[in-house]
Amino acid sequence: MAIRLGVMVGLLFSVAAMAEFTFEDRDGSLTLLENGKPVYSYRYEMVAPPQGVPAHFSRSCYIHPLYDLNGNVITQDFPIDHFHHRGVFWAWPECKAGERPMDVWALGNVRQRHEEWLARETGTDRAVMAVRNRWAFDADPEKAVVREEVRITAFPSGETGRPLDFDIRLTNVSGDSVTFLGAKNKGYGGFCFRPDAKNKPFVFTTAKGVCPEDALQFDTPWADVSWAKEGGAGVAIFEHPSNPGYPFPGWIFRHYAFLGASWPHEQEHVLKPGESFQLRYRLYIHAGDAEKGEVERSFRDYTATVER
């Protein structure tokens, strides 16, 4: 009888620990909830800038808000210091289609636009959102130059953190070569996280320890930014071992409020018509600082199990 009771208690605990993921589609945003608490909102319709921000900073196809384990918003959109920063996003400043500049980073003449949903699936062990978007010049918004397919997989939160996996594939669908390049002498461009500046001061932690200064390049396969406000929280970016040049050292740490996995940094990457590349990252949202959030252990677990 004691054994049967123990099994029943174990089963009840397992059921209680399962996540109930649901999606809510409202006002141009798809919001994922875990047991009724928000995880992220993916902005698939064009978001108009707030009053005082130039109209050309309108954008779509990014995550904001992103929430910590307690339901606090931890990203910032249209920050006053960098209007083009937008929650969790992927963009490059020095792109070209042929010889035509294509700045999807600062949204000068081109932007990402939603095309279609590829998946919106929920279960007790994960939730998957997949989408196809196009990069198109403002002068011809229906004509795709680059097509991106993005897959975001959310896993249940544990005591220390919640993983979000990003799979991003970019394909040149134009008749010209397309060049990807980070900002000159800075390398900006790639997979980016803009934390809310109200949570300053920030602590940046890497596989080599804390990095107290700003950095425009750093040799580490993962990096974390954390803060003590609102009870303390942080976000780490893990490079996937299949990414080009892994572990790629093009990290950006800015204490004003920016963490980026910058690829290809200051090295041109050229796609001929029809060619593509794939980037994969894990975003790990955790409680406390990198030590309390067990970021290093979580990275080891991630790289030990991923498919290369």
C-alpha atoms as a PDB file:
ATOM      1  CA  MET A   1       0.000   0.000   0.000  1.00  0.00           C
ATOM      2  CA  ALA A   2       2.846   2.409   0.856  1.00  0.00           C
ATOM      3  CA  ILE A   3       4.480   1.645  -2.488  1.00  0.00           C
ATOM      4  CA  ARG A   4       1.236   2.281  -4.386  1.00  0.00           C
ATOM      5  CA  LEU A   5       0.700   5.528  -2.470  1.00  0.00           C
ATOM      6  CA  GLY A   6       4.239   6.626  -3.283  1.00  0.00           C
ATOM      7  CA  VAL A   7       3.675   5.903  -6.971  1.00  0.00           C
ATOM      8  CA  MET A   8       0.420   7.882  -6.898  1.00  0.00           C
ATOM      9  CA  VAL A   9       2.109  10.852  -5.218  1.00  0.00           C
ATOM     10  CA  GLY A  10       4.910  10.677  -7.779  1.00  0.00           C
ATOM     11  CA  LEU A  11       2.398  10.665 -10.627  1.00  0.00           C
ATOM     12  CA  LEU A  12       0.521  13.607  -9.142  1.00  0.00           C
ATOM     13  CA  PHE A  13       3.780  15.531  -8.754  1.00  0.00           C
ATOM     14  CA  SER A  14       4.747  14.787 -12.376  1.00  0.00           C
ATOM     15  CA  VAL A  15       1.390  16.001 -13.648  1.00  0.00           C
ATOM     16  CA  ALA A  16       1.634  19.168 -11.557  1.00  0.00           C
ATOM     17  CA  ALA A  17       5.132  19.811 -12.887  1.00  0.00           C
ATOM     18  CA  MET A  18       4.028  19.605 -16.511  1.00  0.00           C
ATOM     19  CA  ALA A  19       3.707  22.889 -18.342  1.00  0.00           C
ATOM     20  CA  GLU A  20       0.461  23.948 -19.939  1.00  0.00           C
ATOM     21  CA  PHE A  21       1.514  26.084 -22.880  1.00  0.00           C
ATOM     22  CA  THR A  22      -1.004  28.219 -24.747  1.00  0.00           C
ATOM     23  CA  PHE A  23      -0.798  30.887 -27.454  1.00  0.00           C
ATOM     24  CA  GLU A  24      -2.806  34.101 -27.568  1.00  0.00           C
ATOM     25  CA  ASP A  25      -3.018  35.977 -30.877  1.00  0.00           C
ATOM     26  CA  ARG A  26      -3.985  39.597 -30.324  1.00  0.00           C
ATOM     27  CA  ASP A  27      -3.223  43.030 -31.816  1.00  0.00           C
ATOM     28  CA  GLY A  28      -0.502  41.783 -34.160  1.00  0.00           C
ATOM     29  CA  SER A  29       1.349  39.844 -31.452  1.00  0.00           C
ATOM     30  CA  LEU A  30       1.505  36.138 -30.701  1.00  0.00           C
ATOM     31  CA  THR A  31       1.993  35.656 -26.953  1.00  0.00           C
ATOM     32  CA  LEU A  32       3.097  32.387 -25.392  1.00  0.00           C
ATOM     33  CA  LEU A  33       1.896  31.575 -21.872  1.00  0.00           C
ATOM     34  CA  GLU A  34       3.100  28.844 -19.534  1.00  0.00           C
ATOM     35  CA  ASN A  35       0.475  27.881 -16.960  1.00  0.00           C
ATOM     36  CA  GLY A  36      -1.205  31.233 -17.599  1.00  0.00           C
ATOM     37  CA  LYS A  37       1.973  33.319 -17.152  1.00  0.00           C
ATOM     38  CA  PRO A  38       3.470  35.141 -20.147  1.00  0.00           C
ATOM     39  CA  VAL A  39       6.760  33.899 -21.616  1.00  0.00           C
ATOM     40  CA  TYR A  40       7.203  36.142 -24.675  1.00  0.00           C
ATOM     41  CA  SER A  41       5.304  38.100 -27.307  1.00  0.00           C
ATOM     42  CA  TYR A  42       6.334  37.812 -30.944  1.00  0.00           C
ATOM     43  CA  ARG A  43       5.452  40.975 -32.896  1.00  0.00           C
ATOM     44  CA  TYR A  44       4.491  39.826 -36.378  1.00  0.00           C
ATOM     45  CA  GLU A  45       2.612  42.911 -37.573  1.00  0.00           C
ATOM     46  CA  MET A  46       4.355  46.230 -38.175  1.00  0.00           C
ATOM     47  CA  VAL A  47       4.801  48.188 -34.932  1.00  0.00           C
ATOM     48  CA  ALA A  48       4.546  51.967 -35.288  1.00  0.00           C
ATOM     49  CA  PRO A  49       7.015  54.055 -33.272  1.00  0.00           C
ATOM     50  CA  PRO A  50       5.768  55.962 -30.225  1.00  0.00           C
ATOM     51  CA  GLN A  51       5.356  59.708 -30.328  1.00  0.00           C
ATOM     52  CA  GLY A  52       8.655  61.513 -30.807  1.00  0.00           C
ATOM     53  CA  VAL A  53      10.366  58.636 -32.643  1.00  0.00           C
ATOM     54  CA  PRO A  54      10.832  58.988 -36.451  1.00  0.00           C
ATOM     55  CA  ALA A  55       8.386  56.931 -38.516  1.00  0.00           C
ATOM     56  CA  HIS A  56      11.103  54.989 -40.351  1.00  0.00           C
ATOM     57  CA  PHE A  57      11.831  53.041 -37.143  1.00  0.00           C
ATOM     58  CA  SER A  58       8.653  50.977 -37.623  1.00  0.00           C
ATOM     59  CA  ARG A  59       9.437  47.252 -37.426  1.00  0.00           C
ATOM     60  CA  SER A  60       8.098  43.723 -37.075  1.00  0.00           C
ATOM     61  CA  CYS A  61       9.296  40.126 -36.656  1.00  0.00           C
ATOM     62  CA  TYR A  62      10.929  40.323 -33.225  1.00  0.00           C
ATOM     63  CA  ILE A  63      10.213  39.497 -29.570  1.00  0.00           C
ATOM     64  CA  HIS A  64       8.983  42.072 -27.092  1.00  0.00           C
ATOM     65  CA  PRO A  65       8.125  41.765 -24.310  1.00  0.00           C
ATOM     66  CA  LEU A  66      10.252  38.911 -23.033  1.00  0.00           C
ATOM     67  CA  TYR A  67       9.432  37.972 -19.430  1.00  0.00           C
ATOM     68  CA  ASP A  68      11.486  36.589 -16.551  1.00  0.00           C
ATOM     69  CA  LEU A  69      10.371  33.641 -14.410  1.00  0.00           C
ATOM     70  CA  ASN A  70       8.275  35.955 -12.210  1.00  0.00           C
ATOM     71  CA  GLY A  71       6.422  37.590 -15.076  1.00  0.00           C
ATOM     72  CA  ASN A  72       8.437  40.835 -15.140  1.00  0.00           C
ATOM     73  CA  VAL A  73       9.134  42.437 -18.535  1.00  0.00           C
ATOM     74  CA  ILE A  74      12.897  42.285 -19.170  1.00  0.00           C
ATOM     75  CA  THR A  75      13.232  43.696 -22.705  1.00  0.00           C
ATOM     76  CA  GLN A  76      12.991  47.231 -24.048  1.00  0.00           C
ATOM     77  CA  ASP A  77      11.572  48.514 -27.332  1.00  0.00           C
ATOM     78  CA  PHE A  78      12.352  51.900 -28.927  1.00  0.00           C
ATOM     79  CA  PRO A  79      14.808  52.853 -26.127  1.00  0.00           C
ATOM     80  CA  ILE A  80      15.676  56.534 -26.182  1.00  0.00           C
ATOM     81  CA  ASP A  81      19.415  55.846 -26.584  1.00  0.00           C
ATOM     82  CA  HIS A  82      18.990  53.510 -29.592  1.00  0.00           C
ATOM     83  CA  PHE A  83      15.586  53.720 -31.282  1.00  0.00           C
ATOM     84  CA  HIS A  84      16.374  50.709 -33.491  1.00  0.00           C
ATOM     85  CA  HIS A  85      16.930  48.304 -30.575  1.00  0.00           C
ATOM     86  CA  ARG A  86      13.981  45.976 -30.204  1.00  0.00           C
ATOM     87  CA  GLY A  87      13.757  43.280 -27.521  1.00  0.00           C
ATOM     88  CA  VAL A  88      15.146  40.054 -28.968  1.00  0.00           C
ATOM     89  CA  PHE A  89      15.971  40.513 -32.657  1.00  0.00           C
ATOM     90  CA  TRP A  90      18.295  39.379 -35.455  1.00  0.00           C
ATOM     91  CA  ALA A  91      19.604  41.965 -37.895  1.00  0.00           C
ATOM     92  CA  TRP A  92      22.748  43.257 -39.615  1.00  0.00           C
ATOM     93  CA  PRO A  93      23.750  46.862 -40.393  1.00  0.00           C
ATOM     94  CA  GLU A  94      26.053  46.461 -43.406  1.00  0.00           C
ATOM     95  CA  CYS A  95      24.029  44.228 -45.703  1.00  0.00           C
ATOM     96  CA  LYS A  96      23.958  44.752 -49.448  1.00  0.00           C
ATOM     97  CA  ALA A  97      21.807  43.361 -52.273  1.00  0.00           C
ATOM     98  CA  GLY A  98      24.234  43.602 -55.159  1.00  0.00           C
ATOM     99  CA  GLU A  99      25.699  47.050 -54.483  1.00  0.00           C
ATOM    100  CA  ARG A 100      22.520  48.424 -52.931  1.00  0.00           C
ATOM    101  CA  PRO A 101      22.788  49.073 -49.147  1.00  0.00           C
ATOM    102  CA  MET A 102      20.249  47.070 -47.137  1.00  0.00           C
ATOM    103  CA  ASP A 103      20.208  48.188 -43.484  1.00  0.00           C
ATOM    104  CA  VAL A 104      17.735  45.976 -41.635  1.00  0.00           C
ATOM    105  CA  TRP A 105      19.593  46.869 -38.403  1.00  0.00           C
ATOM    106  CA  ALA A 106      18.769  50.589 -38.212  1.00  0.00           C
ATOM    107  CA  LEU A 107      15.725  50.225 -40.505  1.00  0.00           C
ATOM    108  CA  GLY A 108      16.939  52.796 -42.965  1.00  0.00           C
ATOM    109  CA  ASN A 109      15.443  51.439 -46.197  1.00  0.00           C
ATOM    110  CA  VAL A 110      14.455  47.806 -45.636  1.00  0.00           C
ATOM    111  CA  ARG A 111      12.706  45.774 -42.981  1.00  0.00           C
ATOM    112  CA  GLN A 112      11.475  42.306 -42.101  1.00  0.00           C
ATOM    113  CA  ARG A 113       7.839  41.598 -42.990  1.00  0.00           C
ATOM    114  CA  HIS A 114       5.620  38.704 -41.967  1.00  0.00           C
ATOM    115  CA  GLU A 115       4.585  36.247 -44.679  1.00  0.00           C
ATOM    116  CA  GLU A 116       3.079  33.140 -43.103  1.00  0.00           C
ATOM    117  CA  TRP A 117       2.947  30.898 -40.054  1.00  0.00           C
ATOM    118  CA  LEU A 118       4.708  27.562 -40.383  1.00  0.00           C
ATOM    119  CA  ALA A 119       3.826  26.174 -36.926  1.00  0.00           C
ATOM    120  CA  ARG A 120       2.006  27.104 -33.745  1.00  0.00           C
ATOM    121  CA  GLU A 121       2.102  23.999 -31.584  1.00  0.00           C
ATOM    122  CA  THR A 122       1.731  23.505 -27.839  1.00  0.00           C
ATOM    123  CA  GLY A 123       2.168  20.538 -25.533  1.00  0.00           C
ATOM    124  CA  THR A 124       3.227  19.747 -21.995  1.00  0.00           C
ATOM    125  CA  ASP A 125       6.940  19.489 -22.804  1.00  0.00           C
ATOM    126  CA  ARG A 126       7.386  22.346 -25.310  1.00  0.00           C
ATOM    127  CA  ALA A 127       5.767  25.021 -27.436  1.00  0.00           C
ATOM    128  CA  VAL A 128       6.848  25.703 -31.012  1.00  0.00           C
ATOM    129  CA  MET A 129       6.317  28.806 -33.105  1.00  0.00           C
ATOM    130  CA  ALA A 130       7.660  28.901 -36.664  1.00  0.00           C
ATOM    131  CA  VAL A 131       7.276  31.673 -39.213  1.00  0.00           C
ATOM    132  CA  ARG A 132       8.393  32.708 -42.674  1.00  0.00           C
ATOM    133  CA  ASN A 133       9.294  36.375 -43.243  1.00  0.00           C
ATOM    134  CA  ARG A 134      10.788  38.406 -46.042  1.00  0.00           C
ATOM    135  CA  TRP A 135      13.309  41.198 -46.150  1.00  0.00           C
ATOM    136  CA  ALA A 136      12.011  43.787 -48.585  1.00  0.00           C
ATOM    137  CA  PHE A 137      12.964  47.320 -49.520  1.00  0.00           C
ATOM    138  CA  ASP A 138      10.478  49.998 -48.528  1.00  0.00           C
ATOM    139  CA  ALA A 139      10.268  51.041 -52.174  1.00  0.00           C
ATOM    140  CA  ASP A 140       8.987  47.560 -53.125  1.00  0.00           C
ATOM    141  CA  PRO A 141       7.614  45.972 -49.915  1.00  0.00           C
ATOM    142  CA  GLU A 142       6.085  42.899 -51.591  1.00  0.00           C
ATOM    143  CA  LYS A 143       9.287  41.772 -53.324  1.00  0.00           C
ATOM    144  CA  ALA A 144      11.460  39.539 -51.131  1.00  0.00           C
ATOM    145  CA  VAL A 145      15.219  39.970 -51.320  1.00  0.00           C
ATOM    146  CA  VAL A 146      16.021  37.671 -48.402  1.00  0.00           C
ATOM    147  CA  ARG A 147      13.611  35.145 -46.948  1.00  0.00           C
ATOM    148  CA  GLU A 148      13.966  34.111 -43.327  1.00  0.00           C
ATOM    149  CA  GLU A 149      12.489  31.105 -41.577  1.00  0.00           C
ATOM    150  CA  VAL A 150      12.503  31.313 -37.794  1.00  0.00           C
ATOM    151  CA  ARG A 151      11.610  28.551 -35.367  1.00  0.00           C
ATOM    152  CA  ILE A 152      11.326  29.290 -31.633  1.00  0.00           C
ATOM    153  CA  THR A 153      10.972  26.372 -29.208  1.00  0.00           C
ATOM    154  CA  ALA A 154      10.105  27.066 -25.580  1.00  0.00           C
ATOM    155  CA  PHE A 155      10.641  24.482 -22.860  1.00  0.00           C
ATOM    156  CA  PRO A 156       9.072  24.387 -19.380  1.00  0.00           C
ATOM    157  CA  SER A 157      10.664  26.580 -16.750  1.00  0.00           C
ATOM    158  CA  GLY A 158      12.516  24.914 -13.908  1.00  0.00           C
ATOM    159  CA  GLU A 159      13.655  26.158 -10.527  1.00  0.00           C
ATOM    160  CA  THR A 160      16.536  28.138 -12.013  1.00  0.00           C
ATOM    161  CA  GLY A 161      15.628  28.944 -15.610  1.00  0.00           C
ATOM    162  CA  ARG A 162      13.677  28.631 -18.843  1.00  0.00           C
ATOM    163  CA  PRO A 163      15.241  27.739 -22.242  1.00  0.00           C
ATOM    164  CA  LEU A 164      14.129  29.253 -25.550  1.00  0.00           C
ATOM    165  CA  ASP A 165      15.753  27.794 -28.671  1.00  0.00           C
ATOM    166  CA  PHE A 166      16.050  29.863 -31.855  1.00  0.00           C
ATOM    167  CA  ASP A 167      16.649  28.380 -35.297  1.00  0.00           C
ATOM    168  CA  ILE A 168      17.104  31.066 -37.967  1.00  0.00           C
ATOM    169  CA  ARG A 169      17.663  30.307 -41.652  1.00  0.00           C
ATOM    170  CA  LEU A 170      18.260  33.117 -44.161  1.00  0.00           C
ATOM    171  CA  THR A 171      18.075  32.517 -47.912  1.00  0.00           C
ATOM    172  CA  ASN A 172      18.977  34.825 -50.765  1.00  0.00           C
ATOM    173  CA  VAL A 173      15.913  34.845 -53.056  1.00  0.00           C
ATOM    174  CA  SER A 174      17.069  37.776 -55.195  1.00  0.00           C
ATOM    175  CA  GLY A 175      18.939  37.762 -58.473  1.00  0.00           C
ATOM    176  CA  ASP A 176      22.022  39.415 -56.936  1.00  0.00           C
ATOM    177  CA  SER A 177      24.559  38.364 -54.356  1.00  0.00           C
ATOM    178  CA  VAL A 178      23.636  39.421 -50.815  1.00  0.00           C
ATOM    179  CA  THR A 179      26.336  40.456 -48.340  1.00  0.00           C
ATOM    180  CA  PHE A 180      26.050  40.254 -44.548  1.00  0.00           C
ATOM    181  CA  LEU A 181      28.468  42.278 -42.430  1.00  0.00           C
ATOM    182  CA  GLY A 182      28.631  43.821 -38.977  1.00  0.00           C
ATOM    183  CA  ALA A 183      29.190  47.514 -38.326  1.00  0.00           C
ATOM    184  CA  LYS A 184      32.660  48.786 -39.241  1.00  0.00           C
ATOM    185  CA  ASN A 185      35.079  48.797 -36.256  1.00  0.00           C
ATOM    186  CA  LYS A 186      32.298  47.490 -34.008  1.00  0.00           C
ATOM    187  CA  GLY A 187      30.961  44.293 -35.493  1.00  0.00           C
ATOM    188  CA  TYR A 188      27.355  44.876 -34.446  1.00  0.00           C
ATOM    189  CA  GLY A 189      24.886  42.562 -36.122  1.00  0.00           C
ATOM    190  CA  GLY A 190      23.518  39.108 -35.468  1.00  0.00           C
ATOM    191  CA  PHE A 191      21.423  37.684 -32.618  1.00  0.00           C
ATOM    192  CA  CYS A 192      20.675  40.471 -30.142  1.00  0.00           C
ATOM    193  CA  PHE A 193      19.123  40.973 -26.714  1.00  0.00           C
ATOM    194  CA  ARG A 194      18.180  44.446 -25.484  1.00  0.00           C
ATOM    195  CA  PRO A 195      17.537  44.352 -21.712  1.00  0.00           C
ATOM    196  CA  ASP A 196      15.500  47.091 -20.098  1.00  0.00           C
ATOM    197  CA  ALA A 197      17.931  49.854 -19.115  1.00  0.00           C
ATOM    198  CA  LYS A 198      15.913  50.556 -15.962  1.00  0.00           C
ATOM    199  CA  ASN A 199      17.499  47.400 -14.495  1.00  0.00           C
ATOM    200  CA  LYS A 200      21.052  48.801 -14.582  1.00  0.00           C
ATOM    201  CA  PRO A 201      23.693  48.163 -13.375  1.00  0.00           C
ATOM    202  CA  PHE A 202      24.372  44.998 -15.370  1.00  0.00           C
ATOM    203  CA  VAL A 203      26.883  42.215 -14.838  1.00  0.00           C
ATOM    204  CA  PHE A 204      28.272  40.390 -17.892  1.00  0.00           C
ATOM    205  CA  THR A 205      29.543  36.867 -17.266  1.00  0.00           C
ATOM    206  CA  THR A 206      31.297  34.551 -19.725  1.00  0.00           C
ATOM    207  CA  ALA A 207      32.894  31.109 -19.738  1.00  0.00           C
ATOM    208  CA  LYS A 208      36.067  32.943 -18.621  1.00  0.00           C
ATOM    209  CA  GLY A 209      34.394  34.814 -15.778  1.00  0.00           C
ATOM    210  CA  VAL A 210      32.955  38.293 -15.302  1.00  0.00           C
ATOM    211  CA  CYS A 211      33.716  40.920 -17.952  1.00  0.00           C
ATOM    212  CA  PRO A 212      33.569  44.284 -16.126  1.00  0.00           C
ATOM    213  CA  GLU A 213      34.182  46.444 -19.213  1.00  0.00           C
ATOM    214  CA  ASP A 214      32.358  46.908 -22.492  1.00  0.00           C
ATOM    215  CA  ALA A 215      33.591  44.536 -25.195  1.00  0.00           C
ATOM    216  CA  LEU A 216      33.251  44.419 -28.973  1.00  0.00           C
ATOM    217  CA  GLN A 217      34.831  40.971 -29.252  1.00  0.00           C
ATOM    218  CA  PHE A 218      35.240  38.150 -26.763  1.00  0.00           C
ATOM    219  CA  ASP A 219      36.303  34.509 -27.074  1.00  0.00           C
ATOM    220  CA  THR A 220      33.544  32.528 -25.333  1.00  0.00           C
ATOM    221  CA  PRO A 221      30.816  30.088 -26.426  1.00  0.00           C
ATOM    222  CA  TRP A 222      28.258  31.679 -24.098  1.00  0.00           C
ATOM    223  CA  ALA A 223      27.639  35.002 -22.413  1.00  0.00           C
ATOM    224  CA  ASP A 224      25.212  36.218 -19.777  1.00  0.00           C
ATOM    225  CA  VAL A 225      23.844  39.552 -18.607  1.00  0.00           C
ATOM    226  CA  SER A 226      22.218  39.784 -15.175  1.00  0.00           C
ATOM    227  CA  TRP A 227      20.910  42.431 -12.777  1.00  0.00           C
ATOM    228  CA  ALA A 228      19.871  42.643  -9.129  1.00  0.00           C
ATOM    229  CA  LYS A 229      16.657  44.682  -9.443  1.00  0.00           C
ATOM    230  CA  GLU A 230      13.199  43.076  -9.202  1.00  0.00           C
ATOM    231  CA  GLY A 231      14.703  40.251  -7.146  1.00  0.00           C
ATOM    232  CA  GLY A 232      17.446  39.568  -9.664  1.00  0.00           C
ATOM    233  CA  ALA A 233      17.337  37.867 -13.057  1.00  0.00           C
ATOM    234  CA  GLY A 234      19.429  37.359 -16.161  1.00  0.00           C
ATOM    235  CA  VAL A 235      19.553  36.160 -19.734  1.00  0.00           C
ATOM    236  CA  ALA A 236      22.283  34.074 -21.344  1.00  0.00           C
ATOM    237  CA  ILE A 237      22.936  33.370 -25.003  1.00  0.00           C
ATOM    238  CA  PHE A 238      24.393  29.959 -25.858  1.00  0.00           C
ATOM    239  CA  GLU A 239      26.017  29.389 -29.252  1.00  0.00           C
ATOM    240  CA  HIS A 240      24.954  26.192 -30.997  1.00  0.00           C
ATOM    241  CA  PRO A 241      27.941  23.968 -31.894  1.00  0.00           C
ATOM    242  CA  SER A 242      26.797  23.807 -35.539  1.00  0.00           C
ATOM    243  CA  ASN A 243      27.026  27.578 -36.025  1.00  0.00           C
ATOM    244  CA  PRO A 244      29.681  28.774 -38.480  1.00  0.00           C
ATOM    245  CA  GLY A 245      33.033  29.347 -36.809  1.00  0.00           C
ATOM    246  CA  TYR A 246      31.896  27.885 -33.459  1.00  0.00           C
ATOM    247  CA  PRO A 247      32.799  29.093 -30.932  1.00  0.00           C
ATOM    248  CA  PHE A 248      32.622  32.431 -32.734  1.00  0.00           C
ATOM    249  CA  PRO A 249      34.267  35.285 -30.765  1.00  0.00           C
ATOM    250  CA  GLY A 250      32.125  38.164 -32.053  1.00  0.00           C
ATOM    251  CA  TRP A 251      30.330  39.045 -28.840  1.00  0.00           C
ATOM    252  CA  ILE A 252      29.089  42.532 -27.946  1.00  0.00           C
ATOM    253  CA  PHE A 253      28.789  43.542 -24.268  1.00  0.00           C
ATOM    254  CA  ARG A 254      27.531  47.059 -23.578  1.00  0.00           C
ATOM    255  CA  HIS A 255      26.743  48.103 -20.024  1.00  0.00           C
ATOM    256  CA  TYR A 256      24.230  50.699 -21.170  1.00  0.00           C
ATOM    257  CA  ALA A 257      22.010  47.660 -22.017  1.00  0.00           C
ATOM    258  CA  PHE A 258      22.991  45.320 -24.849  1.00  0.00           C
ATOM    259  CA  LEU A 259      24.126  41.713 -25.310  1.00  0.00           C
ATOM    260  CA  GLY A 260      24.760  40.380 -28.804  1.00  0.00           C
ATOM    261  CA  ALA A 261      26.160  37.264 -30.443  1.00  0.00           C
ATOM    262  CA  SER A 262      27.702  39.033 -33.400  1.00  0.00           C
ATOM    263  CA  TRP A 263      28.263  36.967 -36.567  1.00  0.00           C
ATOM    264  CA  PRO A 264      29.903  37.378 -39.080  1.00  0.00           C
ATOM    265  CA  HIS A 265      31.178  40.425 -37.165  1.00  0.00           C
ATOM    266  CA  GLU A 266      33.694  42.280 -39.399  1.00  0.00           C
ATOM    267  CA  GLN A 267      34.069  39.460 -41.922  1.00  0.00           C
ATOM    268  CA  GLU A 268      31.873  39.628 -45.014  1.00  0.00           C
ATOM    269  CA  HIS A 269      29.585  36.668 -45.604  1.00  0.00           C
ATOM    270  CA  VAL A 270      28.256  36.568 -49.165  1.00  0.00           C
ATOM    271  CA  LEU A 271      25.273  34.529 -50.339  1.00  0.00           C
ATOM    272  CA  LYS A 272      24.887  33.858 -54.019  1.00  0.00           C
ATOM    273  CA  PRO A 273      21.317  33.641 -55.356  1.00  0.00           C
ATOM    274  CA  GLY A 274      19.627  30.602 -53.819  1.00  0.00           C
ATOM    275  CA  GLU A 275      22.209  30.108 -51.059  1.00  0.00           C
ATOM    276  CA  SER A 276      21.379  30.190 -47.351  1.00  0.00           C
ATOM    277  CA  PHE A 277      22.909  29.963 -43.908  1.00  0.00           C
ATOM    278  CA  GLN A 278      21.588  28.831 -40.541  1.00  0.00           C
ATOM    279  CA  LEU A 279      22.180  30.219 -37.053  1.00  0.00           C
ATOM    280  CA  ARG A 280      20.988  28.563 -33.850  1.00  0.00           C
ATOM    281  CA  TYR A 281      21.092  29.900 -30.319  1.00  0.00           C
ATOM    282  CA  ARG A 282      19.591  29.136 -26.946  1.00  0.00           C
ATOM    283  CA  LEU A 283      18.287  32.032 -24.892  1.00  0.00           C
ATOM    284  CA  TYR A 284      18.348  31.001 -21.232  1.00  0.00           C
ATOM    285  CA  ILE A 285      16.225  33.170 -18.921  1.00  0.00           C
ATOM    286  CA  HIS A 286      17.146  32.574 -15.309  1.00  0.00           C
ATOM    287  CA  ALA A 287      16.710  33.733 -11.726  1.00  0.00           C
ATOM    288  CA  GLY A 288      19.485  35.646  -9.996  1.00  0.00           C
ATOM    289  CA  ASP A 289      22.983  36.067 -11.412  1.00  0.00           C
ATOM    290  CA  ALA A 290      24.856  33.608 -13.639  1.00  0.00           C
ATOM    291  CA  GLU A 291      25.989  31.533 -10.652  1.00  0.00           C
ATOM    292  CA  LYS A 292      22.550  31.278  -9.040  1.00  0.00           C
ATOM    293  CA  GLY A 293      20.998  30.606 -12.428  1.00  0.00           C
ATOM    294  CA  GLU A 294      23.493  27.752 -13.030  1.00  0.00           C
ATOM    295  CA  VAL A 295      24.284  29.146 -16.453  1.00  0.00           C
ATOM    296  CA  GLU A 296      27.554  27.250 -16.976  1.00  0.00           C
ATOM    297  CA  ARG A 297      25.925  23.920 -16.102  1.00  0.00           C
ATOM    298  CA  SER A 298      22.960  24.705 -18.334  1.00  0.00           C
ATOM    299  CA  PHE A 299      25.327  25.451 -21.227  1.00  0.00           C
ATOM    300  CA  ARG A 300      27.118  22.122 -20.733  1.00  0.00           C
ATOM    301  CA  ASP A 301      23.778  20.296 -20.678  1.00  0.00           C
ATOM    302  CA  TYR A 302      22.721  22.102 -23.852  1.00  0.00           C
ATOM    303  CA  THR A 303      25.843  21.321 -25.868  1.00  0.00           C
ATOM    304  CA  ALA A 304      25.849  17.706 -24.646  1.00  0.00           C
ATOM    305  CA  THR A 305      22.401  17.018 -26.072  1.00  0.00           C
ATOM    306  CA  VAL A 306      22.000  19.167 -29.193  1.00  0.00           C
ATOM    307  CA  GLU A 307      22.133  17.717 -32.692  1.00  0.00           C
ATOM    308  CA  ARG A 308      25.124  18.998 -34.639  1.00  0.00           C
END
